[in-house]
């Protein structure tokens, strides 16, 4: 986990609204980042294969190429044939050229391109924005507990050999930049649930009190829980409800 090496967003100190906007901006950039990965790999492949003439045609159908290249690795004959068919549809009809491009894509890691579900049009209502912060804090606690169980301790500088990590501190002590890492993860999870048609309903004060056992191990599943799939909704309806 590269928590302290990453600087995902500029620190946001303007309250919940500015934090939500920063998280949304980060999430919206994920899909664009995936597209740029495909483009860079296509560019590298045509250069490595010495076939720049095919560049524009391949970039025009980069999404189809990415899908065809999924699982591309040495010995994956079926995937190679599928990719060759995709290349043929792009105008690469010469078999020798196809072989060069397949080899170049494989060497350049063309087998896997992250394609997260686009949730950029899902807007979190205020009560779920507050839940995002709680989930972010818990994510940090889970990460820290796992690291400590593996023998890691706090250290001013990260040292993998000595198992020192500067982020083994409370969530409150983390910088805003470090907190943002967990906020983005939590927010994307909530938005994905909404996009899939789930409804997240905040508990009443009575439910909160009743669901707070002194012994954490006493927590049991609640058949009338507040998170349930909406069988009558589509993904788009889930998005619309979130936006409302």
C-alpha atoms as a PDB file:
ATOM      1  CA  UNK A   1       0.000   0.000   0.000  1.00  0.00           C
ATOM      2  CA  UNK A   2       1.570   3.207  -1.122  1.00  0.00           C
ATOM      3  CA  UNK A   3      -0.365   5.559   1.141  1.00  0.00           C
ATOM      4  CA  UNK A   4       2.348   8.035   1.938  1.00  0.00           C
ATOM      5  CA  UNK A   5       3.976   7.927  -1.489  1.00  0.00           C
ATOM      6  CA  UNK A   6       0.789   8.928  -3.251  1.00  0.00           C
ATOM      7  CA  UNK A   7      -0.549  12.432  -3.427  1.00  0.00           C
ATOM      8  CA  UNK A   8      -3.928  11.917  -5.019  1.00  0.00           C
ATOM      9  CA  UNK A   9      -5.452  15.344  -4.451  1.00  0.00           C
ATOM     10  CA  UNK A  10      -4.550  18.723  -3.049  1.00  0.00           C
ATOM     11  CA  UNK A  11      -5.527  19.095   0.597  1.00  0.00           C
ATOM     12  CA  UNK A  12      -9.088  20.333   1.010  1.00  0.00           C
ATOM     13  CA  UNK A  13      -9.795  22.408   4.066  1.00  0.00           C
ATOM     14  CA  UNK A  14     -13.026  24.148   3.126  1.00  0.00           C
ATOM     15  CA  UNK A  15     -15.485  21.840   4.916  1.00  0.00           C
ATOM     16  CA  UNK A  16     -17.637  18.989   3.708  1.00  0.00           C
ATOM     17  CA  UNK A  17     -18.699  20.658   0.475  1.00  0.00           C
ATOM     18  CA  UNK A  18     -15.170  21.238  -0.769  1.00  0.00           C
ATOM     19  CA  UNK A  19     -14.173  17.728   0.286  1.00  0.00           C
ATOM     20  CA  UNK A  20     -17.061  16.193  -1.637  1.00  0.00           C
ATOM     21  CA  UNK A  21     -16.148  18.216  -4.723  1.00  0.00           C
ATOM     22  CA  UNK A  22     -12.509  17.125  -4.483  1.00  0.00           C
ATOM     23  CA  UNK A  23     -13.515  13.464  -4.173  1.00  0.00           C
ATOM     24  CA  UNK A  24     -15.921  13.733  -7.104  1.00  0.00           C
ATOM     25  CA  UNK A  25     -13.246  15.314  -9.265  1.00  0.00           C
ATOM     26  CA  UNK A  26     -10.871  12.480  -8.437  1.00  0.00           C
ATOM     27  CA  UNK A  27     -13.471   9.830  -9.229  1.00  0.00           C
ATOM     28  CA  UNK A  28     -14.385  11.453 -12.526  1.00  0.00           C
ATOM     29  CA  UNK A  29     -10.739  11.318 -13.534  1.00  0.00           C
ATOM     30  CA  UNK A  30     -10.513   7.552 -13.106  1.00  0.00           C
ATOM     31  CA  UNK A  31     -12.331   6.792 -16.350  1.00  0.00           C
ATOM     32  CA  UNK A  32     -10.241   9.269 -18.299  1.00  0.00           C
ATOM     33  CA  UNK A  33      -7.081   7.753 -16.815  1.00  0.00           C
ATOM     34  CA  UNK A  34      -8.089   4.304 -18.051  1.00  0.00           C
ATOM     35  CA  UNK A  35      -8.573   5.676 -21.559  1.00  0.00           C
ATOM     36  CA  UNK A  36      -5.162   7.344 -21.507  1.00  0.00           C
ATOM     37  CA  UNK A  37      -3.558   4.027 -20.508  1.00  0.00           C
ATOM     38  CA  UNK A  38      -5.020   2.387 -23.618  1.00  0.00           C
ATOM     39  CA  UNK A  39      -3.821   5.217 -25.817  1.00  0.00           C
ATOM     40  CA  UNK A  40      -0.295   5.120 -24.415  1.00  0.00           C
ATOM     41  CA  UNK A  41      -0.068   1.360 -24.943  1.00  0.00           C
ATOM     42  CA  UNK A  42      -1.296   1.599 -28.505  1.00  0.00           C
ATOM     43  CA  UNK A  43       1.209   4.392 -29.184  1.00  0.00           C
ATOM     44  CA  UNK A  44       4.015   2.322 -27.686  1.00  0.00           C
ATOM     45  CA  UNK A  45       2.987  -0.796 -29.621  1.00  0.00           C
ATOM     46  CA  UNK A  46       2.955   0.812 -33.057  1.00  0.00           C
ATOM     47  CA  UNK A  47       6.307   2.445 -32.307  1.00  0.00           C
ATOM     48  CA  UNK A  48       7.886  -0.804 -31.053  1.00  0.00           C
ATOM     49  CA  UNK A  49       6.509  -2.716 -34.045  1.00  0.00           C
ATOM     50  CA  UNK A  50       7.778  -0.066 -36.447  1.00  0.00           C
ATOM     51  CA  UNK A  51       4.276   0.386 -37.902  1.00  0.00           C
ATOM     52  CA  UNK A  52       3.310   4.023 -37.208  1.00  0.00           C
ATOM     53  CA  UNK A  53       1.009   4.052 -40.234  1.00  0.00           C
ATOM     54  CA  UNK A  54      -1.601   2.138 -38.246  1.00  0.00           C
ATOM     55  CA  UNK A  55      -1.579   4.560 -35.305  1.00  0.00           C
ATOM     56  CA  UNK A  56      -4.714   6.572 -36.090  1.00  0.00           C
ATOM     57  CA  UNK A  57      -6.787   3.529 -37.074  1.00  0.00           C
ATOM     58  CA  UNK A  58      -5.861   1.686 -33.882  1.00  0.00           C
ATOM     59  CA  UNK A  59      -6.503   4.678 -31.642  1.00  0.00           C
ATOM     60  CA  UNK A  60      -9.921   5.133 -33.230  1.00  0.00           C
ATOM     61  CA  UNK A  61     -10.889   1.634 -32.032  1.00  0.00           C
ATOM     62  CA  UNK A  62      -8.777   1.537 -28.880  1.00  0.00           C
ATOM     63  CA  UNK A  63     -11.643   0.342 -26.661  1.00  0.00           C
ATOM     64  CA  UNK A  64     -12.319  -2.657 -28.914  1.00  0.00           C
ATOM     65  CA  UNK A  65      -8.609  -3.468 -28.930  1.00  0.00           C
ATOM     66  CA  UNK A  66      -8.433  -3.267 -25.133  1.00  0.00           C
ATOM     67  CA  UNK A  67     -11.353  -5.696 -24.833  1.00  0.00           C
ATOM     68  CA  UNK A  68      -9.806  -8.075 -27.368  1.00  0.00           C
ATOM     69  CA  UNK A  69      -6.429  -7.962 -25.600  1.00  0.00           C
ATOM     70  CA  UNK A  70      -7.830  -8.907 -22.189  1.00  0.00           C
ATOM     71  CA  UNK A  71      -5.934 -11.949 -20.960  1.00  0.00           C
ATOM     72  CA  UNK A  72      -3.113 -11.485 -23.476  1.00  0.00           C
ATOM     73  CA  UNK A  73      -0.021 -13.320 -22.253  1.00  0.00           C
ATOM     74  CA  UNK A  74       2.533 -15.769 -23.652  1.00  0.00           C
ATOM     75  CA  UNK A  75       0.799 -18.968 -24.746  1.00  0.00           C
ATOM     76  CA  UNK A  76      -2.713 -17.467 -24.802  1.00  0.00           C
ATOM     77  CA  UNK A  77      -3.384 -18.539 -28.381  1.00  0.00           C
ATOM     78  CA  UNK A  78      -7.136 -17.877 -28.311  1.00  0.00           C
ATOM     79  CA  UNK A  79      -6.601 -14.331 -27.066  1.00  0.00           C
ATOM     80  CA  UNK A  80      -3.984 -13.716 -29.740  1.00  0.00           C
ATOM     81  CA  UNK A  81      -6.377 -14.874 -32.449  1.00  0.00           C
ATOM     82  CA  UNK A  82      -9.113 -12.647 -31.035  1.00  0.00           C
ATOM     83  CA  UNK A  83      -6.749  -9.697 -31.023  1.00  0.00           C
ATOM     84  CA  UNK A  84      -5.683 -10.407 -34.601  1.00  0.00           C
ATOM     85  CA  UNK A  85      -9.319 -10.305 -35.677  1.00  0.00           C
ATOM     86  CA  UNK A  86      -9.683  -6.939 -33.937  1.00  0.00           C
ATOM     87  CA  UNK A  87      -6.540  -5.684 -35.671  1.00  0.00           C
ATOM     88  CA  UNK A  88      -7.915  -6.875 -38.986  1.00  0.00           C
ATOM     89  CA  UNK A  89     -11.073  -4.816 -38.392  1.00  0.00           C
ATOM     90  CA  UNK A  90      -8.791  -1.810 -37.907  1.00  0.00           C
ATOM     91  CA  UNK A  91      -7.258  -2.331 -41.332  1.00  0.00           C
ATOM     92  CA  UNK A  92      -4.225  -4.369 -40.292  1.00  0.00           C
ATOM     93  CA  UNK A  93      -4.665  -7.185 -42.804  1.00  0.00           C
ATOM     94  CA  UNK A  94      -1.046  -8.233 -43.231  1.00  0.00           C
ATOM     95  CA  UNK A  95      -0.377 -11.317 -41.055  1.00  0.00           C
ATOM     96  CA  UNK A  96       3.222 -10.319 -40.377  1.00  0.00           C
ATOM     97  CA  UNK A  97       2.111  -6.889 -39.201  1.00  0.00           C
ATOM     98  CA  UNK A  98      -0.499  -8.462 -36.958  1.00  0.00           C
ATOM     99  CA  UNK A  99       2.144 -10.685 -35.355  1.00  0.00           C
ATOM    100  CA  UNK A 100       4.394  -7.693 -34.696  1.00  0.00           C
ATOM    101  CA  UNK A 101       1.600  -5.673 -33.105  1.00  0.00           C
ATOM    102  CA  UNK A 102       0.413  -8.582 -30.951  1.00  0.00           C
ATOM    103  CA  UNK A 103       3.969  -9.134 -29.706  1.00  0.00           C
ATOM    104  CA  UNK A 104       4.400  -5.411 -29.026  1.00  0.00           C
ATOM    105  CA  UNK A 105       1.097  -5.160 -27.124  1.00  0.00           C
ATOM    106  CA  UNK A 106       1.955  -8.220 -25.064  1.00  0.00           C
ATOM    107  CA  UNK A 107       5.407  -6.860 -24.208  1.00  0.00           C
ATOM    108  CA  UNK A 108       3.897  -3.516 -23.261  1.00  0.00           C
ATOM    109  CA  UNK A 109       1.407  -4.943 -20.778  1.00  0.00           C
ATOM    110  CA  UNK A 110      -1.521  -4.633 -23.157  1.00  0.00           C
ATOM    111  CA  UNK A 111      -3.352  -7.523 -21.497  1.00  0.00           C
ATOM    112  CA  UNK A 112      -4.893  -5.491 -18.713  1.00  0.00           C
ATOM    113  CA  UNK A 113      -6.400  -2.027 -18.700  1.00  0.00           C
ATOM    114  CA  UNK A 114      -8.381  -0.985 -15.611  1.00  0.00           C
ATOM    115  CA  UNK A 115     -11.975  -0.225 -16.547  1.00  0.00           C
ATOM    116  CA  UNK A 116     -13.857   0.808 -13.386  1.00  0.00           C
ATOM    117  CA  UNK A 117     -17.580   1.425 -13.655  1.00  0.00           C
ATOM    118  CA  UNK A 118     -18.306   5.039 -14.473  1.00  0.00           C
ATOM    119  CA  UNK A 119     -20.122   6.584 -11.494  1.00  0.00           C
ATOM    120  CA  UNK A 120     -19.257  10.195 -12.266  1.00  0.00           C
ATOM    121  CA  UNK A 121     -22.951  11.103 -12.668  1.00  0.00           C
ATOM    122  CA  UNK A 122     -23.878   9.774  -9.208  1.00  0.00           C
ATOM    123  CA  UNK A 123     -24.246  12.624  -6.722  1.00  0.00           C
ATOM    124  CA  UNK A 124     -24.133  11.728  -3.040  1.00  0.00           C
ATOM    125  CA  UNK A 125     -26.762  13.309  -0.789  1.00  0.00           C
ATOM    126  CA  UNK A 126     -25.495  14.945   2.400  1.00  0.00           C
ATOM    127  CA  UNK A 127     -26.162  12.022   4.718  1.00  0.00           C
ATOM    128  CA  UNK A 128     -24.076   9.730   2.509  1.00  0.00           C
ATOM    129  CA  UNK A 129     -21.283  12.284   2.306  1.00  0.00           C
ATOM    130  CA  UNK A 130     -21.087  12.029   6.098  1.00  0.00           C
ATOM    131  CA  UNK A 131     -21.031   8.236   5.818  1.00  0.00           C
ATOM    132  CA  UNK A 132     -18.087   8.532   3.444  1.00  0.00           C
ATOM    133  CA  UNK A 133     -15.969  10.059   6.201  1.00  0.00           C
ATOM    134  CA  UNK A 134     -16.899   7.287   8.634  1.00  0.00           C
ATOM    135  CA  UNK A 135     -16.030   4.605   6.100  1.00  0.00           C
ATOM    136  CA  UNK A 136     -12.754   6.347   5.302  1.00  0.00           C
ATOM    137  CA  UNK A 137     -11.789   6.378   8.973  1.00  0.00           C
ATOM    138  CA  UNK A 138     -12.671   2.710   9.357  1.00  0.00           C
ATOM    139  CA  UNK A 139     -10.680   1.818   6.237  1.00  0.00           C
ATOM    140  CA  UNK A 140      -7.617   3.424   7.813  1.00  0.00           C
ATOM    141  CA  UNK A 141      -8.210   1.573  11.083  1.00  0.00           C
ATOM    142  CA  UNK A 142      -8.471  -1.765   9.228  1.00  0.00           C
ATOM    143  CA  UNK A 143      -5.312  -1.060   7.267  1.00  0.00           C
ATOM    144  CA  UNK A 144      -3.403  -0.029  10.396  1.00  0.00           C
ATOM    145  CA  UNK A 145      -4.605  -3.096  12.331  1.00  0.00           C
ATOM    146  CA  UNK A 146      -3.424  -5.376   9.525  1.00  0.00           C
ATOM    147  CA  UNK A 147      -0.026  -3.717   9.338  1.00  0.00           C
ATOM    148  CA  UNK A 148       0.483  -3.879  13.096  1.00  0.00           C
ATOM    149  CA  UNK A 149      -0.484  -7.560  13.117  1.00  0.00           C
ATOM    150  CA  UNK A 150       2.264  -8.099  10.524  1.00  0.00           C
ATOM    151  CA  UNK A 151       4.855  -6.506  12.800  1.00  0.00           C
ATOM    152  CA  UNK A 152       4.869  -2.965  11.412  1.00  0.00           C
ATOM    153  CA  UNK A 153       5.425  -0.004  13.745  1.00  0.00           C
ATOM    154  CA  UNK A 154       5.380   3.743  13.377  1.00  0.00           C
ATOM    155  CA  UNK A 155       8.447   5.370  11.890  1.00  0.00           C
ATOM    156  CA  UNK A 156       9.138   8.873  10.617  1.00  0.00           C
ATOM    157  CA  UNK A 157      10.219   7.405   7.267  1.00  0.00           C
ATOM    158  CA  UNK A 158       8.813   4.339   5.523  1.00  0.00           C
ATOM    159  CA  UNK A 159      11.256   1.450   5.672  1.00  0.00           C
ATOM    160  CA  UNK A 160      10.030  -1.882   4.324  1.00  0.00           C
ATOM    161  CA  UNK A 161      13.006  -3.782   5.739  1.00  0.00           C
ATOM    162  CA  UNK A 162      12.449  -2.489   9.282  1.00  0.00           C
ATOM    163  CA  UNK A 163       8.647  -2.407   8.831  1.00  0.00           C
ATOM    164  CA  UNK A 164       8.400   1.264   9.719  1.00  0.00           C
ATOM    165  CA  UNK A 165       5.489   3.340   8.381  1.00  0.00           C
ATOM    166  CA  UNK A 166       4.710   7.022   9.078  1.00  0.00           C
ATOM    167  CA  UNK A 167       0.966   6.498   8.630  1.00  0.00           C
ATOM    168  CA  UNK A 168       0.563   4.198  11.635  1.00  0.00           C
ATOM    169  CA  UNK A 169      -1.161   6.940  13.563  1.00  0.00           C
ATOM    170  CA  UNK A 170      -4.792   7.772  14.274  1.00  0.00           C
ATOM    171  CA  UNK A 171      -7.008   8.922  11.422  1.00  0.00           C
ATOM    172  CA  UNK A 172      -7.306  12.344  13.033  1.00  0.00           C
ATOM    173  CA  UNK A 173      -3.529  12.764  12.936  1.00  0.00           C
ATOM    174  CA  UNK A 174      -3.261  12.026   9.228  1.00  0.00           C
ATOM    175  CA  UNK A 175      -2.756  14.913   6.843  1.00  0.00           C
ATOM    176  CA  UNK A 176      -5.693  15.915   4.658  1.00  0.00           C
ATOM    177  CA  UNK A 177      -3.865  14.463   1.669  1.00  0.00           C
ATOM    178  CA  UNK A 178      -3.560  11.066   3.359  1.00  0.00           C
ATOM    179  CA  UNK A 179      -7.199  11.122   4.511  1.00  0.00           C
ATOM    180  CA  UNK A 180      -8.232  11.816   0.935  1.00  0.00           C
ATOM    181  CA  UNK A 181      -6.876   8.424  -0.131  1.00  0.00           C
ATOM    182  CA  UNK A 182      -9.417   6.675   2.093  1.00  0.00           C
ATOM    183  CA  UNK A 183     -12.194   9.145   1.308  1.00  0.00           C
ATOM    184  CA  UNK A 184     -11.933   8.477  -2.413  1.00  0.00           C
ATOM    185  CA  UNK A 185     -12.044   4.717  -1.877  1.00  0.00           C
ATOM    186  CA  UNK A 186     -15.064   4.991   0.432  1.00  0.00           C
ATOM    187  CA  UNK A 187     -16.911   7.420  -1.832  1.00  0.00           C
ATOM    188  CA  UNK A 188     -16.399   5.264  -4.913  1.00  0.00           C
ATOM    189  CA  UNK A 189     -17.751   2.236  -3.048  1.00  0.00           C
ATOM    190  CA  UNK A 190     -20.913   4.082  -1.995  1.00  0.00           C
ATOM    191  CA  UNK A 191     -21.459   5.492  -5.479  1.00  0.00           C
ATOM    192  CA  UNK A 192     -21.062   2.044  -6.997  1.00  0.00           C
ATOM    193  CA  UNK A 193     -23.751   0.640  -4.675  1.00  0.00           C
ATOM    194  CA  UNK A 194     -26.128   3.403  -5.725  1.00  0.00           C
ATOM    195  CA  UNK A 195     -25.337   2.858  -9.397  1.00  0.00           C
ATOM    196  CA  UNK A 196     -26.227  -0.819  -8.981  1.00  0.00           C
ATOM    197  CA  UNK A 197     -29.651   0.154  -7.617  1.00  0.00           C
ATOM    198  CA  UNK A 198     -29.071  -0.240  -3.879  1.00  0.00           C
ATOM    199  CA  UNK A 199     -30.656   2.146  -1.398  1.00  0.00           C
ATOM    200  CA  UNK A 200     -28.759   3.310   1.677  1.00  0.00           C
ATOM    201  CA  UNK A 201     -31.115   4.665   4.333  1.00  0.00           C
ATOM    202  CA  UNK A 202     -29.729   6.399   7.445  1.00  0.00           C
ATOM    203  CA  UNK A 203     -30.790   4.731  10.714  1.00  0.00           C
ATOM    204  CA  UNK A 204     -33.035   6.453  13.230  1.00  0.00           C
ATOM    205  CA  UNK A 205     -31.548   7.458  16.621  1.00  0.00           C
ATOM    206  CA  UNK A 206     -33.305   4.465  18.179  1.00  0.00           C
ATOM    207  CA  UNK A 207     -31.745   2.085  15.664  1.00  0.00           C
ATOM    208  CA  UNK A 208     -28.309   3.561  16.263  1.00  0.00           C
ATOM    209  CA  UNK A 209     -28.634   2.967  19.991  1.00  0.00           C
ATOM    210  CA  UNK A 210     -29.959  -0.560  19.539  1.00  0.00           C
ATOM    211  CA  UNK A 211     -27.167  -1.496  17.134  1.00  0.00           C
ATOM    212  CA  UNK A 212     -24.272  -0.450  19.342  1.00  0.00           C
ATOM    213  CA  UNK A 213     -23.396  -3.584  21.410  1.00  0.00           C
ATOM    214  CA  UNK A 214     -20.652  -3.243  24.000  1.00  0.00           C
ATOM    215  CA  UNK A 215     -18.947  -6.345  22.607  1.00  0.00           C
ATOM    216  CA  UNK A 216     -18.140  -5.883  18.881  1.00  0.00           C
ATOM    217  CA  UNK A 217     -18.223  -9.666  18.441  1.00  0.00           C
ATOM    218  CA  UNK A 218     -21.915  -9.591  19.380  1.00  0.00           C
ATOM    219  CA  UNK A 219     -22.857  -7.797  16.162  1.00  0.00           C
ATOM    220  CA  UNK A 220     -25.209  -9.941  14.105  1.00  0.00           C
ATOM    221  CA  UNK A 221     -26.810  -9.522  10.726  1.00  0.00           C
ATOM    222  CA  UNK A 222     -30.113  -7.657  10.650  1.00  0.00           C
ATOM    223  CA  UNK A 223     -32.644  -9.083   8.220  1.00  0.00           C
ATOM    224  CA  UNK A 224     -34.321  -5.681   8.090  1.00  0.00           C
ATOM    225  CA  UNK A 225     -31.087  -3.876   7.349  1.00  0.00           C
ATOM    226  CA  UNK A 226     -30.829  -0.455   5.801  1.00  0.00           C
ATOM    227  CA  UNK A 227     -28.914  -1.634   2.740  1.00  0.00           C
ATOM    228  CA  UNK A 228     -30.877  -3.738   0.297  1.00  0.00           C
ATOM    229  CA  UNK A 229     -31.051  -4.127  -3.460  1.00  0.00           C
ATOM    230  CA  UNK A 230     -34.018  -2.549  -5.143  1.00  0.00           C
ATOM    231  CA  UNK A 231     -35.368  -5.395  -7.281  1.00  0.00           C
ATOM    232  CA  UNK A 232     -37.592  -3.058  -9.254  1.00  0.00           C
ATOM    233  CA  UNK A 233     -34.918  -0.575 -10.139  1.00  0.00           C
ATOM    234  CA  UNK A 234     -32.373  -0.471 -12.899  1.00  0.00           C
ATOM    235  CA  UNK A 235     -28.885   0.881 -12.603  1.00  0.00           C
ATOM    236  CA  UNK A 236     -30.035   4.164 -14.063  1.00  0.00           C
ATOM    237  CA  UNK A 237     -32.861   4.398 -11.505  1.00  0.00           C
ATOM    238  CA  UNK A 238     -30.308   3.919  -8.759  1.00  0.00           C
ATOM    239  CA  UNK A 239     -28.292   6.764 -10.170  1.00  0.00           C
ATOM    240  CA  UNK A 240     -31.359   8.969 -10.465  1.00  0.00           C
ATOM    241  CA  UNK A 241     -32.329   8.320  -6.864  1.00  0.00           C
ATOM    242  CA  UNK A 242     -28.825   9.149  -5.694  1.00  0.00           C
ATOM    243  CA  UNK A 243     -28.929  12.373  -7.647  1.00  0.00           C
ATOM    244  CA  UNK A 244     -32.294  13.266  -6.107  1.00  0.00           C
END
